[in-house]
Each structure stands twice: as C-alpha cells, then as structure tokens.
C-alpha cells in the first residue's frame, strides 16, 4: 500500500510540473513572439499581412504543445500506467 501511495504522490508532483512548466513556456514564447511581431510591423508596415499569418500559425503550434502536455498530464492523473505492476 505504501508503494501505491508513493507512486500517486510522485505522479501528482509530476503533473503539477508538466502543466506549470508548459504554461510558463507557452506564455513566455507567445510574449516574445508577439513583441517581435509588433517591432517588425512598426518597422515595415507593408509586411503586416504576411507576418500576421505566420504569427497566428505559430501561436496555434505553441498552444498545441501546451495542450498536448495537459493531455498527457491528465492521462497520468486518471489512468496511471505506473500503478499496474504494483497491483
């Protein structure tokens, strides 16, 4: 019983780390990318439509990486494969 409790405790810590670091990374990435977009749009306004499409594509990819991390964390929270050998 102690082993199962330890696996569940470490899984909870890992889930917090996965979601927390994923959120921090996504927020920092989006912030840096959008600030660079605004800088480049101010320098060359004629390139705004081209740059805007690329920014939205990359925003989707950055957010998708975070959502995949949340999905994996929820998988470990609900169906922990590490507990199967202990039962």
PDB file of N, CA and C in Angstrom:
ATOM      1  N   UNK A   1       0.817  -1.187   0.000  1.00  0.00           N
ATOM      2  CA  UNK A   1       0.000   0.000   0.000  1.00  0.00           C
ATOM      3  C   UNK A   1       0.865   1.257   0.000  1.00  0.00           C
ATOM      4  N   UNK A   2       2.016   1.178   0.658  1.00  0.00           N
ATOM      5  CA  UNK A   2       2.892   2.344   0.704  1.00  0.00           C
ATOM      6  C   UNK A   2       3.438   2.692  -0.674  1.00  0.00           C
ATOM      7  N   UNK A   3       3.724   1.652  -1.462  1.00  0.00           N
ATOM      8  CA  UNK A   3       4.253   1.902  -2.806  1.00  0.00           C
ATOM      9  C   UNK A   3       3.241   2.620  -3.685  1.00  0.00           C
ATOM     10  N   UNK A   4       1.989   2.232  -3.587  1.00  0.00           N
ATOM     11  CA  UNK A   4       0.941   2.862  -4.387  1.00  0.00           C
ATOM     12  C   UNK A   4       0.791   4.333  -3.990  1.00  0.00           C
ATOM     13  N   UNK A   5       0.848   4.612  -2.693  1.00  0.00           N
ATOM     14  CA  UNK A   5       0.735   5.998  -2.229  1.00  0.00           C
ATOM     15  C   UNK A   5       1.915   6.831  -2.713  1.00  0.00           C
ATOM     16  N   UNK A   6       3.101   6.246  -2.720  1.00  0.00           N
ATOM     17  CA  UNK A   6       4.278   6.980  -3.188  1.00  0.00           C
ATOM     18  C   UNK A   6       4.188   7.266  -4.686  1.00  0.00           C
ATOM     19  N   UNK A   7       3.741   6.287  -5.465  1.00  0.00           N
ATOM     20  CA  UNK A   7       3.593   6.495  -6.908  1.00  0.00           C
ATOM     21  C   UNK A   7       2.556   7.574  -7.173  1.00  0.00           C
ATOM     22  N   UNK A   8       1.458   7.556  -6.434  1.00  0.00           N
ATOM     23  CA  UNK A   8       0.432   8.581  -6.618  1.00  0.00           C
ATOM     24  C   UNK A   8       0.934   9.959  -6.212  1.00  0.00           C
ATOM     25  N   UNK A   9       1.721  10.039  -5.159  1.00  0.00           N
ATOM     26  CA  UNK A   9       2.259  11.324  -4.722  1.00  0.00           C
ATOM     27  C   UNK A   9       3.239  11.880  -5.756  1.00  0.00           C
ATOM     28  N   UNK A  10       4.132  11.035  -6.238  1.00  0.00           N
ATOM     29  CA  UNK A  10       5.091  11.490  -7.247  1.00  0.00           C
ATOM     30  C   UNK A  10       4.405  11.827  -8.568  1.00  0.00           C
ATOM     31  N   UNK A  11       3.330  11.108  -8.875  1.00  0.00           N
ATOM     32  CA  UNK A  11       2.570  11.416 -10.085  1.00  0.00           C
ATOM     33  C   UNK A  11       1.912  12.786  -9.964  1.00  0.00           C
ATOM     34  N   UNK A  12       1.386  13.110  -8.805  1.00  0.00           N
ATOM     35  CA  UNK A  12       0.768  14.430  -8.597  1.00  0.00           C
ATOM     36  C   UNK A  12       1.804  15.539  -8.731  1.00  0.00           C
ATOM     37  N   UNK A  13       2.989  15.321  -8.202  1.00  0.00           N
ATOM     38  CA  UNK A  13       4.048  16.319  -8.339  1.00  0.00           C
ATOM     39  C   UNK A  13       4.442  16.474  -9.804  1.00  0.00           C
ATOM     40  N   UNK A  14       4.568  15.353 -10.512  1.00  0.00           N
ATOM     41  CA  UNK A  14       4.938  15.404 -11.928  1.00  0.00           C
ATOM     42  C   UNK A  14       3.871  16.107 -12.761  1.00  0.00           C
ATOM     43  N   UNK A  15       2.602  15.886 -12.439  1.00  0.00           N
ATOM     44  CA  UNK A  15       1.518  16.545 -13.168  1.00  0.00           C
ATOM     45  C   UNK A  15       1.598  18.057 -12.974  1.00  0.00           C
ATOM     46  N   UNK A  16       1.841  18.486 -11.749  1.00  0.00           N
ATOM     47  CA  UNK A  16       1.994  19.920 -11.495  1.00  0.00           C
ATOM     48  C   UNK A  16       3.162  20.518 -12.247  1.00  0.00           C
ATOM     49  N   UNK A  17       4.265  19.796 -12.305  1.00  0.00           N
ATOM     50  CA  UNK A  17       5.439  20.286 -13.031  1.00  0.00           C
ATOM     51  C   UNK A  17       5.166  20.348 -14.525  1.00  0.00           C
ATOM     52  N   UNK A  18       4.540  19.309 -15.073  1.00  0.00           N
ATOM     53  CA  UNK A  18       4.241  19.286 -16.515  1.00  0.00           C
ATOM     54  C   UNK A  18       3.359  20.463 -16.903  1.00  0.00           C
ATOM     55  N   UNK A  19       2.280  20.662 -16.170  1.00  0.00           N
ATOM     56  CA  UNK A  19       1.343  21.732 -16.517  1.00  0.00           C
ATOM     57  C   UNK A  19       1.954  23.097 -16.232  1.00  0.00           C
ATOM     58  N   UNK A  20       2.639  23.234 -15.105  1.00  0.00           N
ATOM     59  CA  UNK A  20       3.225  24.525 -14.751  1.00  0.00           C
ATOM     60  C   UNK A  20       4.313  24.975 -15.703  1.00  0.00           C
ATOM     61  N   UNK A  21       5.254  24.100 -15.997  1.00  0.00           N
ATOM     62  CA  UNK A  21       6.334  24.477 -16.918  1.00  0.00           C
ATOM     63  C   UNK A  21       5.811  24.669 -18.341  1.00  0.00           C
ATOM     64  N   UNK A  22       4.813  23.865 -18.722  1.00  0.00           N
ATOM     65  CA  UNK A  22       4.218  24.052 -20.042  1.00  0.00           C
ATOM     66  C   UNK A  22       3.535  25.403 -20.176  1.00  0.00           C
ATOM     67  N   UNK A  23       2.818  25.801 -19.137  1.00  0.00           N
ATOM     68  CA  UNK A  23       2.136  27.102 -19.168  1.00  0.00           C
ATOM     69  C   UNK A  23       3.137  28.247 -19.173  1.00  0.00           C
ATOM     70  N   UNK A  24       4.174  28.136 -18.354  1.00  0.00           N
ATOM     71  CA  UNK A  24       5.199  29.196 -18.322  1.00  0.00           C
ATOM     72  C   UNK A  24       5.895  29.298 -19.669  1.00  0.00           C
ATOM     73  N   UNK A  25       6.268  28.164 -20.237  1.00  0.00           N
ATOM     74  CA  UNK A  25       6.946  28.172 -21.534  1.00  0.00           C
ATOM     75  C   UNK A  25       6.079  28.738 -22.642  1.00  0.00           C
ATOM     76  N   UNK A  26       4.798  28.350 -22.656  1.00  0.00           N
ATOM     77  CA  UNK A  26       3.898  28.863 -23.684  1.00  0.00           C
ATOM     78  C   UNK A  26       3.692  30.368 -23.541  1.00  0.00           C
ATOM     79  N   UNK A  27       3.527  30.838 -22.319  1.00  0.00           N
ATOM     80  CA  UNK A  27       3.325  32.277 -22.102  1.00  0.00           C
ATOM     81  C   UNK A  27       4.558  33.082 -22.494  1.00  0.00           C
ATOM     82  N   UNK A  28       5.729  32.603 -22.126  1.00  0.00           N
ATOM     83  CA  UNK A  28       6.953  33.311 -22.496  1.00  0.00           C
ATOM     84  C   UNK A  28       7.147  33.296 -24.003  1.00  0.00           C
ATOM     85  N   UNK A  29       6.905  32.156 -24.632  1.00  0.00           N
ATOM     86  CA  UNK A  29       7.047  32.055 -26.083  1.00  0.00           C
ATOM     87  C   UNK A  29       6.095  32.962 -26.832  1.00  0.00           C
ATOM     88  N   UNK A  30       4.841  32.987 -26.404  1.00  0.00           N
ATOM     89  CA  UNK A  30       3.852  33.853 -27.049  1.00  0.00           C
ATOM     90  C   UNK A  30       4.215  35.319 -26.839  1.00  0.00           C
ATOM     91  N   UNK A  31       4.645  35.668 -25.647  1.00  0.00           N
ATOM     92  CA  UNK A  31       5.012  37.057 -25.369  1.00  0.00           C
ATOM     93  C   UNK A  31       6.188  37.526 -26.210  1.00  0.00           C
ATOM     94  N   UNK A  32       7.233  36.722 -26.302  1.00  0.00           N
ATOM     95  CA  UNK A  32       8.395  37.097 -27.109  1.00  0.00           C
ATOM     96  C   UNK A  32       8.029  37.197 -28.578  1.00  0.00           C
ATOM     97  N   UNK A  33       7.257  36.211 -29.069  1.00  0.00           N
ATOM     98  CA  UNK A  33       6.899  36.218 -30.478  1.00  0.00           C
ATOM     99  C   UNK A  33       6.025  37.424 -30.833  1.00  0.00           C
ATOM    100  N   UNK A  34       5.059  37.735 -29.997  1.00  0.00           N
ATOM    101  CA  UNK A  34       4.181  38.871 -30.293  1.00  0.00           C
ATOM    102  C   UNK A  34       4.917  40.200 -30.182  1.00  0.00           C
ATOM    103  N   UNK A  35       5.860  40.305 -29.265  1.00  0.00           N
ATOM    104  CA  UNK A  35       6.623  41.551 -29.178  1.00  0.00           C
ATOM    105  C   UNK A  35       7.503  41.737 -30.412  1.00  0.00           C
ATOM    106  N   UNK A  36       8.071  40.646 -30.902  1.00  0.00           N
ATOM    107  CA  UNK A  36       8.884  40.749 -32.120  1.00  0.00           C
ATOM    108  C   UNK A  36       8.004  41.066 -33.335  1.00  0.00           C
ATOM    109  N   UNK A  37       6.775  40.534 -33.332  1.00  0.00           N
ATOM    110  CA  UNK A  37       5.855  40.860 -34.419  1.00  0.00           C
ATOM    111  C   UNK A  37       5.522  42.347 -34.424  1.00  0.00           C
ATOM    112  N   UNK A  38       5.251  42.898 -33.245  1.00  0.00           N
ATOM    113  CA  UNK A  38       4.938  44.325 -33.166  1.00  0.00           C
ATOM    114  C   UNK A  38       6.129  45.183 -33.577  1.00  0.00           C
ATOM    115  N   UNK A  39       7.332  44.781 -33.199  1.00  0.00           N
ATOM    116  CA  UNK A  39       8.530  45.517 -33.617  1.00  0.00           C
ATOM    117  C   UNK A  39       8.688  45.494 -35.131  1.00  0.00           C
ATOM    118  N   UNK A  40       8.520  44.314 -35.728  1.00  0.00           N
ATOM    119  CA  UNK A  40       8.689  44.218 -37.178  1.00  0.00           C
ATOM    120  C   UNK A  40       7.557  44.920 -37.922  1.00  0.00           C
ATOM    121  N   UNK A  41       6.345  44.912 -37.365  1.00  0.00           N
ATOM    122  CA  UNK A  41       5.235  45.622 -38.001  1.00  0.00           C
ATOM    123  C   UNK A  41       5.437  47.129 -37.947  1.00  0.00           C
ATOM    124  N   UNK A  42       6.073  47.607 -36.895  1.00  0.00           N
ATOM    125  CA  UNK A  42       6.334  49.041 -36.802  1.00  0.00           C
ATOM    126  C   UNK A  42       7.433  49.469 -37.781  1.00  0.00           C
ATOM    127  N   UNK A  43       8.380  48.569 -38.030  1.00  0.00           N
ATOM    128  CA  UNK A  43       9.468  48.912 -38.948  1.00  0.00           C
ATOM    129  C   UNK A  43       9.041  48.841 -40.404  1.00  0.00           C
ATOM    130  N   UNK A  44       8.283  47.782 -40.745  1.00  0.00           N
ATOM    131  CA  UNK A  44       7.860  47.608 -42.139  1.00  0.00           C
ATOM    132  C   UNK A  44       6.363  47.293 -42.173  1.00  0.00           C
ATOM    133  N   UNK A  45       5.527  48.308 -42.191  1.00  0.00           N
ATOM    134  CA  UNK A  45       4.076  48.074 -42.161  1.00  0.00           C
ATOM    135  C   UNK A  45       3.546  47.326 -43.386  1.00  0.00           C
ATOM    136  N   UNK A  46       4.263  47.359 -44.482  1.00  0.00           N
ATOM    137  CA  UNK A  46       3.776  46.665 -45.683  1.00  0.00           C
ATOM    138  C   UNK A  46       3.854  45.145 -45.557  1.00  0.00           C
ATOM    139  N   UNK A  47       4.593  44.637 -44.591  1.00  0.00           N
ATOM    140  CA  UNK A  47       4.711  43.188 -44.403  1.00  0.00           C
ATOM    141  C   UNK A  47       3.747  42.629 -43.353  1.00  0.00           C
ATOM    142  N   UNK A  48       2.864  43.468 -42.833  1.00  0.00           N
ATOM    143  CA  UNK A  48       1.961  43.027 -41.761  1.00  0.00           C
ATOM    144  C   UNK A  48       1.105  41.824 -42.175  1.00  0.00           C
ATOM    145  N   UNK A  49       0.473  41.795 -43.350  1.00  0.00           N
ATOM    146  CA  UNK A  49      -0.355  40.614 -43.682  1.00  0.00           C
ATOM    147  C   UNK A  49       0.452  39.316 -43.740  1.00  0.00           C
ATOM    148  N   UNK A  50       1.653  39.369 -44.281  1.00  0.00           N
ATOM    149  CA  UNK A  50       2.488  38.166 -44.364  1.00  0.00           C
ATOM    150  C   UNK A  50       2.917  37.710 -42.975  1.00  0.00           C
ATOM    151  N   UNK A  51       3.354  38.663 -42.168  1.00  0.00           N
ATOM    152  CA  UNK A  51       3.813  38.314 -40.826  1.00  0.00           C
ATOM    153  C   UNK A  51       2.661  37.862 -39.934  1.00  0.00           C
ATOM    154  N   UNK A  52       1.495  38.449 -40.126  1.00  0.00           N
ATOM    155  CA  UNK A  52       0.350  38.115 -39.282  1.00  0.00           C
ATOM    156  C   UNK A  52      -0.065  36.657 -39.465  1.00  0.00           C
ATOM    157  N   UNK A  53      -0.043  36.182 -40.684  1.00  0.00           N
ATOM    158  CA  UNK A  53      -0.380  34.774 -40.930  1.00  0.00           C
ATOM    159  C   UNK A  53       0.594  33.834 -40.245  1.00  0.00           C
ATOM    160  N   UNK A  54       1.869  34.161 -40.301  1.00  0.00           N
ATOM    161  CA  UNK A  54       2.882  33.322 -39.656  1.00  0.00           C
ATOM    162  C   UNK A  54       2.760  33.374 -38.133  1.00  0.00           C
ATOM    163  N   UNK A  55       2.430  34.541 -37.607  1.00  0.00           N
ATOM    164  CA  UNK A  55       2.269  34.669 -36.152  1.00  0.00           C
ATOM    165  C   UNK A  55       1.103  33.808 -35.675  1.00  0.00           C
ATOM    166  N   UNK A  56      -0.020  33.849 -36.381  1.00  0.00           N
ATOM    167  CA  UNK A  56      -1.165  33.052 -35.955  1.00  0.00           C
ATOM    168  C   UNK A  56      -0.885  31.557 -36.068  1.00  0.00           C
ATOM    169  N   UNK A  57      -0.149  31.145 -37.084  1.00  0.00           N
ATOM    170  CA  UNK A  57       0.224  29.738 -37.220  1.00  0.00           C
ATOM    171  C   UNK A  57       1.097  29.306 -36.044  1.00  0.00           C
ATOM    172  N   UNK A  58       2.082  30.110 -35.715  1.00  0.00           N
ATOM    173  CA  UNK A  58       2.967  29.771 -34.607  1.00  0.00           C
ATOM    174  C   UNK A  58       2.264  29.849 -33.254  1.00  0.00           C
ATOM    175  N   UNK A  59       1.319  30.772 -33.112  1.00  0.00           N
ATOM    176  CA  UNK A  59       0.519  30.814 -31.878  1.00  0.00           C
ATOM    177  C   UNK A  59      -0.238  29.500 -31.676  1.00  0.00           C
ATOM    178  N   UNK A  60      -0.791  29.000 -32.756  1.00  0.00           N
ATOM    179  CA  UNK A  60      -1.503  27.721 -32.676  1.00  0.00           C
ATOM    180  C   UNK A  60      -0.580  26.571 -32.321  1.00  0.00           C
ATOM    181  N   UNK A  61       0.622  26.566 -32.887  1.00  0.00           N
ATOM    182  CA  UNK A  61       1.564  25.489 -32.587  1.00  0.00           C
ATOM    183  C   UNK A  61       2.064  25.555 -31.146  1.00  0.00           C
ATOM    184  N   UNK A  62       2.312  26.761 -30.651  1.00  0.00           N
ATOM    185  CA  UNK A  62       2.766  26.904 -29.263  1.00  0.00           C
ATOM    186  C   UNK A  62       1.671  26.455 -28.303  1.00  0.00           C
ATOM    187  N   UNK A  63       0.443  26.874 -28.564  1.00  0.00           N
ATOM    188  CA  UNK A  63      -0.661  26.468 -27.692  1.00  0.00           C
ATOM    189  C   UNK A  63      -0.947  24.974 -27.821  1.00  0.00           C
ATOM    190  N   UNK A  64      -0.758  24.417 -29.004  1.00  0.00           N
ATOM    191  CA  UNK A  64      -0.980  22.980 -29.180  1.00  0.00           C
ATOM    192  C   UNK A  64       0.019  22.179 -28.367  1.00  0.00           C
ATOM    193  N   UNK A  65       1.255  22.624 -28.295  1.00  0.00           N
ATOM    194  CA  UNK A  65       2.257  21.913 -27.495  1.00  0.00           C
ATOM    195  C   UNK A  65       1.862  21.913 -26.018  1.00  0.00           C
ATOM    196  N   UNK A  66       1.335  23.029 -25.535  1.00  0.00           N
ATOM    197  CA  UNK A  66       0.888  23.097 -24.145  1.00  0.00           C
ATOM    198  C   UNK A  66      -0.314  22.188 -23.918  1.00  0.00           C
ATOM    199  N   UNK A  67      -1.252  22.175 -24.842  1.00  0.00           N
ATOM    200  CA  UNK A  67      -2.448  21.343 -24.688  1.00  0.00           C
ATOM    201  C   UNK A  67      -2.074  19.860 -24.729  1.00  0.00           C
ATOM    202  N   UNK A  68      -1.096  19.476 -25.529  1.00  0.00           N
ATOM    203  CA  UNK A  68      -0.631  18.086 -25.542  1.00  0.00           C
ATOM    204  C   UNK A  68      -0.043  17.724 -24.181  1.00  0.00           C
ATOM    205  N   UNK A  69       0.721  18.641 -23.591  1.00  0.00           N
ATOM    206  CA  UNK A  69       1.251  18.400 -22.251  1.00  0.00           C
ATOM    207  C   UNK A  69       0.151  18.243 -21.222  1.00  0.00           C
ATOM    208  N   UNK A  70      -0.889  19.046 -21.308  1.00  0.00           N
ATOM    209  CA  UNK A  70      -2.028  18.921 -20.386  1.00  0.00           C
ATOM    210  C   UNK A  70      -2.724  17.574 -20.598  1.00  0.00           C
ATOM    211  N   UNK A  71      -2.849  17.159 -21.852  1.00  0.00           N
ATOM    212  CA  UNK A  71      -3.461  15.857 -22.138  1.00  0.00           C
ATOM    213  C   UNK A  71      -2.671  14.703 -21.542  1.00  0.00           C
ATOM    214  N   UNK A  72      -1.348  14.761 -21.673  1.00  0.00           N
ATOM    215  CA  UNK A  72      -0.517  13.717 -21.068  1.00  0.00           C
ATOM    216  C   UNK A  72      -0.613  13.739 -19.548  1.00  0.00           C
ATOM    217  N   UNK A  73      -0.649  14.925 -18.973  1.00  0.00           N
ATOM    218  CA  UNK A  73      -0.780  15.026 -17.517  1.00  0.00           C
ATOM    219  C   UNK A  73      -2.117  14.452 -17.046  1.00  0.00           C
ATOM    220  N   UNK A  74      -3.178  14.716 -17.774  1.00  0.00           N
ATOM    221  CA  UNK A  74      -4.477  14.167 -17.399  1.00  0.00           C
ATOM    222  C   UNK A  74      -4.526  12.652 -17.583  1.00  0.00           C
ATOM    223  N   UNK A  75      -3.787  12.154 -18.584  1.00  0.00           N
ATOM    224  CA  UNK A  75      -3.689  10.700 -18.751  1.00  0.00           C
ATOM    225  C   UNK A  75      -3.045  10.074 -17.528  1.00  0.00           C
ATOM    226  N   UNK A  76      -1.946  10.661 -17.065  1.00  0.00           N
ATOM    227  CA  UNK A  76      -1.287  10.122 -15.882  1.00  0.00           C
ATOM    228  C   UNK A  76      -2.136  10.297 -14.629  1.00  0.00           C
ATOM    229  N   UNK A  77      -2.971  11.314 -14.595  1.00  0.00           N
ATOM    230  CA  UNK A  77      -3.819  11.537 -13.421  1.00  0.00           C
ATOM    231  C   UNK A  77      -4.951  10.518 -13.337  1.00  0.00           C
ATOM    232  N   UNK A  78      -5.478  10.116 -14.478  1.00  0.00           N
ATOM    233  CA  UNK A  78      -6.651   9.236 -14.458  1.00  0.00           C
ATOM    234  C   UNK A  78      -6.320   7.771 -14.689  1.00  0.00           C
ATOM    235  N   UNK A  79      -5.376   7.471 -15.551  1.00  0.00           N
ATOM    236  CA  UNK A  79      -5.037   6.082 -15.876  1.00  0.00           C
ATOM    237  C   UNK A  79      -3.532   5.924 -15.764  1.00  0.00           C
ATOM    238  N   UNK A  80      -3.037   5.869 -14.553  1.00  0.00           N
ATOM    239  CA  UNK A  80      -1.599   5.847 -14.319  1.00  0.00           C
ATOM    240  C   UNK A  80      -1.019   4.477 -14.678  1.00  0.00           C
ATOM    241  N   UNK A  81      -0.185   4.400 -15.731  1.00  0.00           N
ATOM    242  CA  UNK A  81       0.388   3.100 -16.112  1.00  0.00           C
ATOM    243  C   UNK A  81       1.448   2.623 -15.137  1.00  0.00           C
ATOM    244  N   UNK A  82       1.930   3.480 -14.256  1.00  0.00           N
ATOM    245  CA  UNK A  82       2.943   3.080 -13.292  1.00  0.00           C
ATOM    246  C   UNK A  82       2.370   2.247 -12.148  1.00  0.00           C
ATOM    247  N   UNK A  83       1.044   2.310 -11.957  1.00  0.00           N
ATOM    248  CA  UNK A  83       0.414   1.564 -10.882  1.00  0.00           C
ATOM    249  C   UNK A  83       0.082   0.128 -11.275  1.00  0.00           C
ATOM    250  N   UNK A  84       0.068  -0.195 -12.549  1.00  0.00           N
ATOM    251  CA  UNK A  84      -0.319  -1.539 -12.998  1.00  0.00           C
ATOM    252  C   UNK A  84       0.615  -2.627 -12.448  1.00  0.00           C
ATOM    253  N   UNK A  85       1.938  -2.451 -12.462  1.00  0.00           N
ATOM    254  CA  UNK A  85       2.790  -3.530 -11.938  1.00  0.00           C
ATOM    255  C   UNK A  85       2.680  -3.714 -10.416  1.00  0.00           C
ATOM    256  N   UNK A  86       2.194  -2.704  -9.703  1.00  0.00           N
ATOM    257  CA  UNK A  86       2.127  -2.787  -8.248  1.00  0.00           C
ATOM    258  C   UNK A  86       0.894  -3.503  -7.735  1.00  0.00           C
ATOM    259  N   UNK A  87      -0.100  -3.688  -8.578  1.00  0.00           N
ATOM    260  CA  UNK A  87      -1.361  -4.309  -8.125  1.00  0.00           C
ATOM    261  C   UNK A  87      -1.411  -5.785  -8.404  1.00  0.00           C
TER     262      UNK A  87
END
